[in-house]
Every structure is written in C-alpha cells, then in structure tokens.
Amino acid sequence: MKLSKLRNAIVYRATLPSIEAVEGHLQELPYSELTETEFARASFVPNPITGELVTPITDGYAIVVRRDEKIIPQHVVMKEANERIQRIENACGQKLKRADRNNIIQDAKVQLCKQAFIKSSLILVLYNTEENLLIINSANKNIANLVGAMLVKVIGSVKTVTINISDIKNGLTTRLKNHLDGEESAFAGFEVGDYVQLSRLAEQKEVIRYSAEHTSVTSEILESLNTGFIVDNMELRGCGVSFLLTDKFHFRRIDTKDNDYSDDDDKAYRWRHQAGTDMFQFCKVINQLCDLLAYKEPEEQKPAA
C-alpha cells in the first residue's frame, strides 16, 4: 500500500496533544483484520516509510490512518436480494411487506460481505503544532470526518474550529472578475492558474471548465461570470505551491516543490524532511488565503467525547 504525499486537503484548526501523548492515544486503535461480517474499519498504523506511529517533522508531526472497506456494489446486493424476495413471494403467493423486504436486502448484504473484495488505503494526516492546523490528505469530507472521529475516540476530547470563509463562492467569483478586469491585487500573493470551473443553476445545473491560459479566454470567462456563473474551483499558485481551491475551502491537486537529496540520505529522512517542507509551505498558503478572503474568527466546536 502506498502512502501518498500531500495531494488533497481538508483543513481544520485543532488543538491536539504533544507528540509523546498522542502516540500513546493512537495505540488504543491498532490495526486488525476485518471479520467476515464487518463492512469497514479504520485504525492508526505505523508510517510505512519511517516505521513510526507518530512521525516528528518540523513544527509538528504526521500520523497515518489505514481504512479497510469491503466493496459490495449496490446492484449486486439488489440482484441477490430480489432473487430471494421473488422465491419467497412465489412460494407464499403474496407480496412481502416493505419491512420484510428490507430485512432480506440487509441479510443479502451481510452474506455477500463474507466474500467481498477488501479495498485498503492509507491516509496521511499532518498536524502543525505552531499553527494548530490539522491537515487531512483527502478531498472526501466523509474521510475527514472519520479521521476527526477517530482522534476524538482515542484522545477523549479534541477542540476543533471551522475555518469559516464568509460566502467564499461569491468571494472567489468577484475576485476572479476583478482580476480579469485588470485589478492586480485581486489575488494578492497568488497567481491565477489555467484551470477554472464555473457553474450556475438554471433549469438544471450548468458547468463550464476552462483549462487554458486564462489570458487567452478572458472574454469568454467574463461573459460567463456576467451571465450568472460563479466559481466552483480554480487553480492558484503561491508560497511555492500550486493547487485547486474549491468553494468549500477544500484543496485538490496540491503540487509542492520536491527537495533535492544526496544519495546518502535514507528514505525515512527524506520522507520526514519532505513532509515537513510540504506542511510548512501549505500552512503559509492557508494563512495567506485566510488574510486574502477575510477569514473570520470561527466558532469553536466541541466534538463528543
């Protein structure tokens, strides 16, 4: 299983324990194989490159979550369940009640679970102890919520706050329009990249994607923005990082600068150094965007212990 470097990110402000304390907590949720009738499980595992459960990096640490999930396509479940339902209805000569049909569907899923293929993945989590930024290497909100719930489960209490950018969708739209109209400070500190996705709701959702140097399609983008389209996500470059910023303040296609290493540097050293550099650069991006987009003091959230 490969541990991906920072490619996507959902970010929270959070207060986690020290590296020594958090390592003890993570040991409470170790890896074990899925049982026959278990659909999914997540655990904290050692970093496959450094061998450490918690890997120290500059200004913070890195942890790894392993997620195992049995892949059971819904159409396969329904095919099996419908065959069972049909046999029972033919035998008794009447339609089954909805509750009985649902029980059969659930039973079919449990039976298929015993022979289902297991998909396993590793999720990188970075924590900056100076900035109190928790960075989850995923574009999937459900995965981010899972990681947060796991930390709460083992630590007992985690203070988190949402990075709340007021009306970011319209904020990005207005800034892009101003940028294309020649306002150099519209994205101060960042360059606008080549990719922009716009959308609008009419009778149905319309989506337009531009994947060319924006100066060559300025008039087309402006025309779209002036006819009700708004920014869904767009490419920005800054602080040595390029990325797509979404209207939910999530990050995709993150590309950080790779460091140069000597042949004498082992893989664990290289990984720690690269992860630390990636986190440093990306945290600069977060803070600069918060300033640019008028980040407001967020409301504190207290996850259930």
C-alpha atoms as a PDB file:
ATOM      1  CA  MET A   1       0.000   0.000   0.000  1.00  0.00           C
ATOM      2  CA  LYS A   2       1.374   3.400  -0.990  1.00  0.00           C
ATOM      3  CA  LEU A   3       1.253   6.428   1.276  1.00  0.00           C
ATOM      4  CA  SER A   4       0.514   9.427  -0.912  1.00  0.00           C
ATOM      5  CA  LYS A   5       2.246  12.738  -0.268  1.00  0.00           C
ATOM      6  CA  LEU A   6       0.077  15.814   0.215  1.00  0.00           C
ATOM      7  CA  ARG A   7      -2.208  15.951  -2.851  1.00  0.00           C
ATOM      8  CA  ASN A   8      -5.602  16.983  -1.449  1.00  0.00           C
ATOM      9  CA  ALA A   9      -6.529  18.657   1.800  1.00  0.00           C
ATOM     10  CA  ILE A  10      -9.387  19.385   4.135  1.00  0.00           C
ATOM     11  CA  VAL A  11      -8.108  21.615   6.927  1.00  0.00           C
ATOM     12  CA  TYR A  12      -9.242  22.326  10.480  1.00  0.00           C
ATOM     13  CA  ARG A  13      -7.872  24.377  13.318  1.00  0.00           C
ATOM     14  CA  ALA A  14      -7.475  21.935  16.179  1.00  0.00           C
ATOM     15  CA  THR A  15      -5.712  21.507  19.494  1.00  0.00           C
ATOM     16  CA  LEU A  16      -4.042  18.104  19.788  1.00  0.00           C
ATOM     17  CA  PRO A  17      -1.700  16.771  22.498  1.00  0.00           C
ATOM     18  CA  SER A  18       2.079  16.669  22.256  1.00  0.00           C
ATOM     19  CA  ILE A  19       3.727  14.061  20.075  1.00  0.00           C
ATOM     20  CA  GLU A  20       4.532  11.856  23.084  1.00  0.00           C
ATOM     21  CA  ALA A  21       0.980  11.988  24.427  1.00  0.00           C
ATOM     22  CA  VAL A  22      -0.725  11.470  21.082  1.00  0.00           C
ATOM     23  CA  GLU A  23       1.383   8.385  20.343  1.00  0.00           C
ATOM     24  CA  GLY A  24       0.059   6.702  23.471  1.00  0.00           C
ATOM     25  CA  HIS A  25      -3.503   7.512  22.466  1.00  0.00           C
ATOM     26  CA  LEU A  26      -3.131   6.190  18.912  1.00  0.00           C
ATOM     27  CA  GLN A  27      -2.069   2.794  20.252  1.00  0.00           C
ATOM     28  CA  GLU A  28      -5.634   2.372  21.509  1.00  0.00           C
ATOM     29  CA  LEU A  29      -6.904   1.900  17.949  1.00  0.00           C
ATOM     30  CA  PRO A  30      -4.444  -0.508  16.285  1.00  0.00           C
ATOM     31  CA  TYR A  31      -4.922  -2.375  13.034  1.00  0.00           C
ATOM     32  CA  SER A  32      -6.677  -5.733  12.937  1.00  0.00           C
ATOM     33  CA  GLU A  33      -8.192  -7.636  10.036  1.00  0.00           C
ATOM     34  CA  LEU A  34     -11.847  -7.239   9.117  1.00  0.00           C
ATOM     35  CA  THR A  35     -14.072 -10.021  10.356  1.00  0.00           C
ATOM     36  CA  GLU A  36     -16.328 -11.982   7.973  1.00  0.00           C
ATOM     37  CA  THR A  37     -19.363  -9.779   8.528  1.00  0.00           C
ATOM     38  CA  GLU A  38     -17.582  -6.463   9.137  1.00  0.00           C
ATOM     39  CA  PHE A  39     -18.037  -3.940   6.337  1.00  0.00           C
ATOM     40  CA  ALA A  40     -15.320  -1.410   7.193  1.00  0.00           C
ATOM     41  CA  ARG A  41     -12.760  -0.486   9.810  1.00  0.00           C
ATOM     42  CA  ALA A  42     -10.195   2.263  10.309  1.00  0.00           C
ATOM     43  CA  SER A  43      -7.104   2.247  12.506  1.00  0.00           C
ATOM     44  CA  PHE A  44      -3.901   4.123  13.245  1.00  0.00           C
ATOM     45  CA  VAL A  45      -0.857   2.384  11.770  1.00  0.00           C
ATOM     46  CA  PRO A  46       2.905   2.981  11.623  1.00  0.00           C
ATOM     47  CA  ASN A  47       4.160   5.073   8.728  1.00  0.00           C
ATOM     48  CA  PRO A  48       5.257   2.517   6.075  1.00  0.00           C
ATOM     49  CA  ILE A  49       8.382   4.567   5.300  1.00  0.00           C
ATOM     50  CA  THR A  50       9.576   5.764   8.722  1.00  0.00           C
ATOM     51  CA  GLY A  51       8.130   2.868  10.733  1.00  0.00           C
ATOM     52  CA  GLU A  52       6.853   5.324  13.361  1.00  0.00           C
ATOM     53  CA  LEU A  53       3.295   5.521  14.664  1.00  0.00           C
ATOM     54  CA  VAL A  54       3.788   9.280  15.029  1.00  0.00           C
ATOM     55  CA  THR A  55       6.487  10.757  12.816  1.00  0.00           C
ATOM     56  CA  PRO A  56       8.066  14.005  14.054  1.00  0.00           C
ATOM     57  CA  ILE A  57       8.501  16.661  11.366  1.00  0.00           C
ATOM     58  CA  THR A  58       9.421  20.341  11.544  1.00  0.00           C
ATOM     59  CA  ASP A  59       6.814  22.248  13.614  1.00  0.00           C
ATOM     60  CA  GLY A  60       4.593  19.215  14.069  1.00  0.00           C
ATOM     61  CA  TYR A  61       4.037  15.572  13.355  1.00  0.00           C
ATOM     62  CA  ALA A  62       2.480  13.150  10.897  1.00  0.00           C
ATOM     63  CA  ILE A  63       0.204  10.181  11.521  1.00  0.00           C
ATOM     64  CA  VAL A  64      -1.249   7.562   9.199  1.00  0.00           C
ATOM     65  CA  VAL A  65      -4.781   6.177   9.145  1.00  0.00           C
ATOM     66  CA  ARG A  66      -5.499   2.848   7.477  1.00  0.00           C
ATOM     67  CA  ARG A  67      -9.001   2.290   6.145  1.00  0.00           C
ATOM     68  CA  ASP A  68     -10.231  -1.155   5.089  1.00  0.00           C
ATOM     69  CA  GLU A  69     -13.570  -1.389   3.332  1.00  0.00           C
ATOM     70  CA  LYS A  70     -15.373  -4.273   1.673  1.00  0.00           C
ATOM     71  CA  ILE A  71     -16.532  -3.393  -1.812  1.00  0.00           C
ATOM     72  CA  ILE A  72     -20.107  -4.579  -2.352  1.00  0.00           C
ATOM     73  CA  PRO A  73     -21.755  -2.896  -5.365  1.00  0.00           C
ATOM     74  CA  GLN A  74     -25.378  -1.981  -4.665  1.00  0.00           C
ATOM     75  CA  HIS A  75     -26.595  -3.584  -7.890  1.00  0.00           C
ATOM     76  CA  VAL A  76     -25.070  -6.913  -6.797  1.00  0.00           C
ATOM     77  CA  VAL A  77     -26.834  -6.663  -3.430  1.00  0.00           C
ATOM     78  CA  MET A  78     -30.164  -5.869  -5.095  1.00  0.00           C
ATOM     79  CA  LYS A  79     -29.816  -8.695  -7.627  1.00  0.00           C
ATOM     80  CA  GLU A  80     -29.235 -11.231  -4.862  1.00  0.00           C
ATOM     81  CA  ALA A  81     -31.981  -9.761  -2.654  1.00  0.00           C
ATOM     82  CA  ASN A  82     -34.550  -9.584  -5.466  1.00  0.00           C
ATOM     83  CA  GLU A  83     -33.950 -13.228  -6.343  1.00  0.00           C
ATOM     84  CA  ARG A  84     -34.586 -14.202  -2.711  1.00  0.00           C
ATOM     85  CA  ILE A  85     -37.673 -11.990  -2.497  1.00  0.00           C
ATOM     86  CA  GLN A  86     -39.059 -13.464  -5.716  1.00  0.00           C
ATOM     87  CA  ARG A  87     -38.579 -17.036  -4.467  1.00  0.00           C
ATOM     88  CA  ILE A  88     -40.335 -16.278  -1.171  1.00  0.00           C
ATOM     89  CA  GLU A  89     -43.232 -14.425  -2.824  1.00  0.00           C
ATOM     90  CA  ASN A  90     -43.713 -17.249  -5.328  1.00  0.00           C
ATOM     91  CA  ALA A  91     -43.761 -19.782  -2.503  1.00  0.00           C
ATOM     92  CA  CYS A  92     -46.246 -17.905  -0.290  1.00  0.00           C
ATOM     93  CA  GLY A  93     -48.330 -16.434  -3.115  1.00  0.00           C
ATOM     94  CA  GLN A  94     -48.330 -12.846  -1.854  1.00  0.00           C
ATOM     95  CA  LYS A  95     -46.200  -9.729  -1.792  1.00  0.00           C
ATOM     96  CA  LEU A  96     -43.869  -9.240   1.148  1.00  0.00           C
ATOM     97  CA  LYS A  97     -44.192  -6.208   3.395  1.00  0.00           C
ATOM     98  CA  ARG A  98     -41.611  -3.450   2.996  1.00  0.00           C
ATOM     99  CA  ALA A  99     -40.029  -4.248   6.370  1.00  0.00           C
ATOM    100  CA  ASP A 100     -39.568  -7.884   5.346  1.00  0.00           C
ATOM    101  CA  ARG A 101     -38.063  -6.861   2.000  1.00  0.00           C
ATOM    102  CA  ASN A 102     -35.624  -4.530   3.761  1.00  0.00           C
ATOM    103  CA  ASN A 103     -34.589  -7.327   6.123  1.00  0.00           C
ATOM    104  CA  ILE A 104     -33.883  -9.591   3.154  1.00  0.00           C
ATOM    105  CA  ILE A 105     -31.817  -6.869   1.463  1.00  0.00           C
ATOM    106  CA  GLN A 106     -29.769  -6.384   4.627  1.00  0.00           C
ATOM    107  CA  ASP A 107     -29.286 -10.139   5.020  1.00  0.00           C
ATOM    108  CA  ALA A 108     -28.128 -10.416   1.403  1.00  0.00           C
ATOM    109  CA  LYS A 109     -25.594  -7.668   2.030  1.00  0.00           C
ATOM    110  CA  VAL A 110     -24.263  -9.459   5.124  1.00  0.00           C
ATOM    111  CA  GLN A 111     -23.907 -12.731   3.210  1.00  0.00           C
ATOM    112  CA  LEU A 112     -22.107 -11.021   0.318  1.00  0.00           C
ATOM    113  CA  CYS A 113     -19.854  -9.303   2.844  1.00  0.00           C
ATOM    114  CA  LYS A 114     -18.272 -12.664   3.665  1.00  0.00           C
ATOM    115  CA  GLN A 115     -16.804 -12.984   0.175  1.00  0.00           C
ATOM    116  CA  ALA A 116     -16.359  -9.330  -0.789  1.00  0.00           C
ATOM    117  CA  PHE A 117     -13.100  -7.814  -2.024  1.00  0.00           C
ATOM    118  CA  ILE A 118     -11.350  -5.629   0.564  1.00  0.00           C
ATOM    119  CA  LYS A 119     -10.084  -2.228  -0.522  1.00  0.00           C
ATOM    120  CA  SER A 120      -7.362  -0.822   1.724  1.00  0.00           C
ATOM    121  CA  SER A 121      -5.956   2.699   1.713  1.00  0.00           C
ATOM    122  CA  LEU A 122      -3.597   4.848   3.763  1.00  0.00           C
ATOM    123  CA  ILE A 123      -4.499   8.429   4.670  1.00  0.00           C
ATOM    124  CA  LEU A 124      -1.806  10.927   5.626  1.00  0.00           C
ATOM    125  CA  VAL A 125      -2.630  13.371   8.428  1.00  0.00           C
ATOM    126  CA  LEU A 126      -0.338  16.312   9.212  1.00  0.00           C
ATOM    127  CA  TYR A 127      -0.551  18.441  12.344  1.00  0.00           C
ATOM    128  CA  ASN A 128       1.195  21.784  12.737  1.00  0.00           C
ATOM    129  CA  THR A 129       1.724  22.388  16.447  1.00  0.00           C
ATOM    130  CA  GLU A 130       2.689  26.049  15.918  1.00  0.00           C
ATOM    131  CA  GLU A 131      -0.363  26.995  13.836  1.00  0.00           C
ATOM    132  CA  ASN A 132      -2.757  24.385  15.317  1.00  0.00           C
ATOM    133  CA  LEU A 133      -3.658  23.259  11.797  1.00  0.00           C
ATOM    134  CA  LEU A 134      -4.883  19.713  11.180  1.00  0.00           C
ATOM    135  CA  ILE A 135      -4.423  18.771   7.515  1.00  0.00           C
ATOM    136  CA  ILE A 136      -6.126  15.623   6.230  1.00  0.00           C
ATOM    137  CA  ASN A 137      -4.839  14.400   2.878  1.00  0.00           C
ATOM    138  CA  SER A 138      -8.227  13.752   1.281  1.00  0.00           C
ATOM    139  CA  ALA A 139     -10.814  15.551  -0.835  1.00  0.00           C
ATOM    140  CA  ASN A 140     -13.571  13.453   0.739  1.00  0.00           C
ATOM    141  CA  LYS A 141     -15.462  15.134   3.584  1.00  0.00           C
ATOM    142  CA  ASN A 142     -16.580  11.741   4.935  1.00  0.00           C
ATOM    143  CA  ILE A 143     -12.945  10.649   5.255  1.00  0.00           C
ATOM    144  CA  ALA A 144     -12.065  13.890   7.043  1.00  0.00           C
ATOM    145  CA  ASN A 145     -14.973  13.373   9.442  1.00  0.00           C
ATOM    146  CA  LEU A 146     -13.839   9.778  10.029  1.00  0.00           C
ATOM    147  CA  VAL A 147     -10.323  10.887  10.956  1.00  0.00           C
ATOM    148  CA  GLY A 148     -11.716  13.534  13.297  1.00  0.00           C
ATOM    149  CA  ALA A 149     -13.992  10.994  14.978  1.00  0.00           C
ATOM    150  CA  MET A 150     -11.081   8.573  15.412  1.00  0.00           C
ATOM    151  CA  LEU A 151      -8.958  11.239  17.099  1.00  0.00           C
ATOM    152  CA  VAL A 152     -11.827  12.111  19.426  1.00  0.00           C
ATOM    153  CA  LYS A 153     -12.322   8.429  20.244  1.00  0.00           C
ATOM    154  CA  VAL A 154      -8.732   7.819  21.337  1.00  0.00           C
ATOM    155  CA  ILE A 155      -7.849  11.236  22.790  1.00  0.00           C
ATOM    156  CA  GLY A 156     -11.183  11.765  24.526  1.00  0.00           C
ATOM    157  CA  SER A 157     -11.597  15.449  23.736  1.00  0.00           C
ATOM    158  CA  VAL A 158     -10.401  17.450  20.754  1.00  0.00           C
ATOM    159  CA  LYS A 159     -11.077  21.155  20.347  1.00  0.00           C
ATOM    160  CA  THR A 160     -11.687  21.978  16.699  1.00  0.00           C
ATOM    161  CA  VAL A 161     -12.767  25.130  14.927  1.00  0.00           C
ATOM    162  CA  THR A 162     -14.003  25.529  11.400  1.00  0.00           C
ATOM    163  CA  ILE A 163     -12.100  27.774   9.027  1.00  0.00           C
ATOM    164  CA  ASN A 164     -15.073  29.907   8.107  1.00  0.00           C
ATOM    165  CA  ILE A 165     -14.670  31.998   4.965  1.00  0.00           C
ATOM    166  CA  SER A 166     -17.846  34.027   4.642  1.00  0.00           C
ATOM    167  CA  ASP A 167     -19.512  33.491   1.237  1.00  0.00           C
ATOM    168  CA  ILE A 168     -16.328  32.135  -0.342  1.00  0.00           C
ATOM    169  CA  LYS A 169     -18.114  31.164  -3.575  1.00  0.00           C
ATOM    170  CA  ASN A 170     -19.100  34.755  -4.350  1.00  0.00           C
ATOM    171  CA  GLY A 171     -15.808  35.988  -2.953  1.00  0.00           C
ATOM    172  CA  LEU A 172     -13.832  33.926  -5.464  1.00  0.00           C
ATOM    173  CA  THR A 173     -16.217  34.923  -8.251  1.00  0.00           C
ATOM    174  CA  THR A 174     -15.859  38.646  -7.529  1.00  0.00           C
ATOM    175  CA  ARG A 175     -12.080  38.407  -7.216  1.00  0.00           C
ATOM    176  CA  LEU A 176     -11.742  36.463 -10.468  1.00  0.00           C
ATOM    177  CA  LYS A 177     -13.901  39.037 -12.255  1.00  0.00           C
ATOM    178  CA  ASN A 178     -11.792  41.871 -10.822  1.00  0.00           C
ATOM    179  CA  HIS A 179      -8.592  40.046 -11.745  1.00  0.00           C
ATOM    180  CA  LEU A 180      -9.715  39.607 -15.354  1.00  0.00           C
ATOM    181  CA  ASP A 181     -10.690  43.285 -15.433  1.00  0.00           C
ATOM    182  CA  GLY A 182      -7.079  44.160 -14.602  1.00  0.00           C
ATOM    183  CA  GLU A 183      -7.046  44.507 -10.800  1.00  0.00           C
ATOM    184  CA  GLU A 184      -3.596  43.209  -9.850  1.00  0.00           C
ATOM    185  CA  SER A 185      -4.378  42.908  -6.126  1.00  0.00           C
ATOM    186  CA  ALA A 186      -7.475  40.715  -6.571  1.00  0.00           C
ATOM    187  CA  PHE A 187      -5.473  37.611  -5.602  1.00  0.00           C
ATOM    188  CA  ALA A 188      -2.603  39.354  -3.825  1.00  0.00           C
ATOM    189  CA  GLY A 189       0.207  36.881  -3.147  1.00  0.00           C
ATOM    190  CA  PHE A 190      -1.099  34.324  -5.629  1.00  0.00           C
ATOM    191  CA  GLU A 191      -1.019  33.773  -9.374  1.00  0.00           C
ATOM    192  CA  VAL A 192      -4.178  32.599 -11.095  1.00  0.00           C
ATOM    193  CA  GLY A 193      -3.545  29.274 -12.842  1.00  0.00           C
ATOM    194  CA  ASP A 194      -5.013  27.837 -16.021  1.00  0.00           C
ATOM    195  CA  TYR A 195      -7.928  25.832 -14.609  1.00  0.00           C
ATOM    196  CA  VAL A 196     -11.275  27.356 -13.652  1.00  0.00           C
ATOM    197  CA  GLN A 197     -14.625  25.605 -13.159  1.00  0.00           C
ATOM    198  CA  LEU A 198     -17.796  27.697 -13.214  1.00  0.00           C
ATOM    199  CA  SER A 199     -21.416  26.729 -12.688  1.00  0.00           C
ATOM    200  CA  ARG A 200     -24.908  28.197 -12.478  1.00  0.00           C
ATOM    201  CA  LEU A 201     -28.328  26.870 -11.617  1.00  0.00           C
ATOM    202  CA  ALA A 202     -30.982  27.415 -14.257  1.00  0.00           C
ATOM    203  CA  GLU A 203     -33.491  24.706 -15.131  1.00  0.00           C
ATOM    204  CA  GLN A 204     -30.592  22.383 -14.427  1.00  0.00           C
ATOM    205  CA  LYS A 205     -27.016  22.878 -13.265  1.00  0.00           C
ATOM    206  CA  GLU A 206     -24.698  24.099 -15.999  1.00  0.00           C
ATOM    207  CA  VAL A 207     -20.946  23.598 -15.648  1.00  0.00           C
ATOM    208  CA  ILE A 208     -18.151  25.149 -17.717  1.00  0.00           C
ATOM    209  CA  ARG A 209     -14.489  24.177 -17.345  1.00  0.00           C
ATOM    210  CA  TYR A 210     -11.621  26.244 -18.711  1.00  0.00           C
ATOM    211  CA  SER A 211      -8.258  24.521 -18.955  1.00  0.00           C
ATOM    212  CA  ALA A 212      -6.262  27.057 -20.963  1.00  0.00           C
ATOM    213  CA  GLU A 213      -4.127  30.037 -20.037  1.00  0.00           C
ATOM    214  CA  HIS A 214      -6.787  32.361 -18.684  1.00  0.00           C
ATOM    215  CA  THR A 215      -5.464  35.379 -20.592  1.00  0.00           C
ATOM    216  CA  SER A 216      -6.421  33.628 -23.835  1.00  0.00           C
ATOM    217  CA  VAL A 217     -10.036  33.118 -22.741  1.00  0.00           C
ATOM    218  CA  THR A 218     -10.559  36.253 -20.655  1.00  0.00           C
ATOM    219  CA  SER A 219     -13.531  37.498 -22.658  1.00  0.00           C
ATOM    220  CA  GLU A 220     -15.242  34.096 -22.541  1.00  0.00           C
ATOM    221  CA  ILE A 221     -14.813  33.748 -18.775  1.00  0.00           C
ATOM    222  CA  LEU A 222     -16.015  37.307 -18.165  1.00  0.00           C
ATOM    223  CA  GLU A 223     -19.064  36.702 -20.334  1.00  0.00           C
ATOM    224  CA  SER A 224     -19.894  33.613 -18.269  1.00  0.00           C
ATOM    225  CA  LEU A 225     -19.381  35.470 -14.977  1.00  0.00           C
ATOM    226  CA  ASN A 226     -21.601  38.306 -16.174  1.00  0.00           C
ATOM    227  CA  THR A 227     -24.409  35.880 -17.041  1.00  0.00           C
ATOM    228  CA  GLY A 228     -24.786  34.290 -13.618  1.00  0.00           C
ATOM    229  CA  PHE A 229     -21.968  31.739 -13.493  1.00  0.00           C
ATOM    230  CA  ILE A 230     -19.970  31.506 -10.253  1.00  0.00           C
ATOM    231  CA  VAL A 231     -16.646  29.890  -9.369  1.00  0.00           C
ATOM    232  CA  ASP A 232     -16.755  26.275  -8.146  1.00  0.00           C
ATOM    233  CA  ASN A 233     -12.990  25.829  -8.031  1.00  0.00           C
ATOM    234  CA  MET A 234      -9.933  27.417  -9.553  1.00  0.00           C
ATOM    235  CA  GLU A 235      -6.190  26.959  -9.762  1.00  0.00           C
ATOM    236  CA  LEU A 236      -3.913  29.227  -7.756  1.00  0.00           C
ATOM    237  CA  ARG A 237      -0.145  29.311  -7.247  1.00  0.00           C
ATOM    238  CA  GLY A 238       1.682  30.804  -4.308  1.00  0.00           C
ATOM    239  CA  CYS A 239       4.165  30.098  -1.478  1.00  0.00           C
ATOM    240  CA  GLY A 240       5.843  27.507  -3.712  1.00  0.00           C
ATOM    241  CA  VAL A 241       2.605  25.521  -4.073  1.00  0.00           C
ATOM    242  CA  SER A 242       0.026  25.149  -6.840  1.00  0.00           C
ATOM    243  CA  PHE A 243      -3.466  23.861  -6.055  1.00  0.00           C
ATOM    244  CA  LEU A 244      -7.157  23.954  -6.860  1.00  0.00           C
ATOM    245  CA  LEU A 245      -9.186  25.885  -4.293  1.00  0.00           C
ATOM    246  CA  THR A 246     -12.848  24.878  -4.061  1.00  0.00           C
ATOM    247  CA  ASP A 247     -15.858  26.881  -2.937  1.00  0.00           C
ATOM    248  CA  LYS A 248     -15.831  24.838   0.302  1.00  0.00           C
ATOM    249  CA  PHE A 249     -12.254  25.888   1.124  1.00  0.00           C
ATOM    250  CA  HIS A 250     -11.033  22.402   0.274  1.00  0.00           C
ATOM    251  CA  PHE A 251      -7.861  21.819  -1.718  1.00  0.00           C
ATOM    252  CA  ARG A 252      -7.179  19.483  -4.631  1.00  0.00           C
ATOM    253  CA  ARG A 253      -4.268  18.729  -6.954  1.00  0.00           C
ATOM    254  CA  ILE A 254      -1.759  20.152  -4.498  1.00  0.00           C
ATOM    255  CA  ASP A 255       1.719  20.277  -6.006  1.00  0.00           C
ATOM    256  CA  THR A 256       4.572  21.187  -3.680  1.00  0.00           C
ATOM    257  CA  LYS A 257       8.218  21.639  -4.546  1.00  0.00           C
ATOM    258  CA  ASP A 258      10.312  18.481  -4.210  1.00  0.00           C
ATOM    259  CA  ASN A 259      13.559  18.821  -2.282  1.00  0.00           C
ATOM    260  CA  ASP A 260      16.936  17.655  -3.534  1.00  0.00           C
ATOM    261  CA  TYR A 261      18.620  14.925  -1.507  1.00  0.00           C
ATOM    262  CA  SER A 262      22.008  13.259  -1.549  1.00  0.00           C
ATOM    263  CA  ASP A 263      22.406   9.563  -2.190  1.00  0.00           C
ATOM    264  CA  ASP A 264      23.441   9.144   1.450  1.00  0.00           C
ATOM    265  CA  ASP A 265      20.066  10.286   2.794  1.00  0.00           C
ATOM    266  CA  ASP A 266      17.857   7.343   3.745  1.00  0.00           C
ATOM    267  CA  LYS A 267      14.182   7.090   2.797  1.00  0.00           C
ATOM    268  CA  ALA A 268      12.925   7.876   6.299  1.00  0.00           C
ATOM    269  CA  TYR A 269      14.989  11.085   6.473  1.00  0.00           C
ATOM    270  CA  ARG A 270      13.805  12.143   3.021  1.00  0.00           C
ATOM    271  CA  TRP A 271      10.177  11.476   3.902  1.00  0.00           C
ATOM    272  CA  ARG A 272      10.336  13.446   7.173  1.00  0.00           C
ATOM    273  CA  HIS A 273      12.071  16.375   5.514  1.00  0.00           C
ATOM    274  CA  GLN A 274       9.716  16.457   2.519  1.00  0.00           C
ATOM    275  CA  ALA A 275       6.596  16.158   4.697  1.00  0.00           C
ATOM    276  CA  GLY A 276       7.856  18.968   6.926  1.00  0.00           C
ATOM    277  CA  THR A 277       8.549  21.186   3.913  1.00  0.00           C
ATOM    278  CA  ASP A 278       5.153  20.400   2.388  1.00  0.00           C
ATOM    279  CA  MET A 279       3.377  21.256   5.632  1.00  0.00           C
ATOM    280  CA  PHE A 280       5.357  24.483   6.070  1.00  0.00           C
ATOM    281  CA  GLN A 281       4.558  25.674   2.541  1.00  0.00           C
ATOM    282  CA  PHE A 282       0.925  24.641   2.716  1.00  0.00           C
ATOM    283  CA  CYS A 283       0.335  26.318   6.085  1.00  0.00           C
ATOM    284  CA  LYS A 284       1.669  29.542   4.550  1.00  0.00           C
ATOM    285  CA  VAL A 285      -0.934  29.093   1.798  1.00  0.00           C
ATOM    286  CA  ILE A 286      -3.709  28.603   4.376  1.00  0.00           C
ATOM    287  CA  ASN A 287      -2.779  31.677   6.392  1.00  0.00           C
ATOM    288  CA  GLN A 288      -2.336  33.861   3.322  1.00  0.00           C
ATOM    289  CA  LEU A 289      -5.702  32.779   1.909  1.00  0.00           C
ATOM    290  CA  CYS A 290      -7.367  33.478   5.258  1.00  0.00           C
ATOM    291  CA  ASP A 291      -5.996  37.024   5.120  1.00  0.00           C
ATOM    292  CA  LEU A 292      -6.960  37.457   1.468  1.00  0.00           C
ATOM    293  CA  LEU A 293     -10.503  36.126   1.855  1.00  0.00           C
ATOM    294  CA  ALA A 294     -11.268  37.934   5.122  1.00  0.00           C
ATOM    295  CA  TYR A 295     -11.188  34.938   7.440  1.00  0.00           C
ATOM    296  CA  LYS A 296     -13.415  35.483  10.459  1.00  0.00           C
ATOM    297  CA  GLU A 297     -12.784  34.147  13.949  1.00  0.00           C
ATOM    298  CA  PRO A 298     -14.513  30.755  13.805  1.00  0.00           C
ATOM    299  CA  GLU A 299     -16.977  29.253  16.202  1.00  0.00           C
ATOM    300  CA  GLU A 300     -15.494  26.631  18.470  1.00  0.00           C
ATOM    301  CA  GLN A 301     -16.823  23.111  18.105  1.00  0.00           C
ATOM    302  CA  LYS A 302     -16.709  20.548  20.897  1.00  0.00           C
ATOM    303  CA  PRO A 303     -16.856  17.028  19.475  1.00  0.00           C
ATOM    304  CA  ALA A 304     -18.472  14.387  21.631  1.00  0.00           C
ATOM    305  CA  ALA A 305     -16.025  12.665  23.902  1.00  0.00           C
END
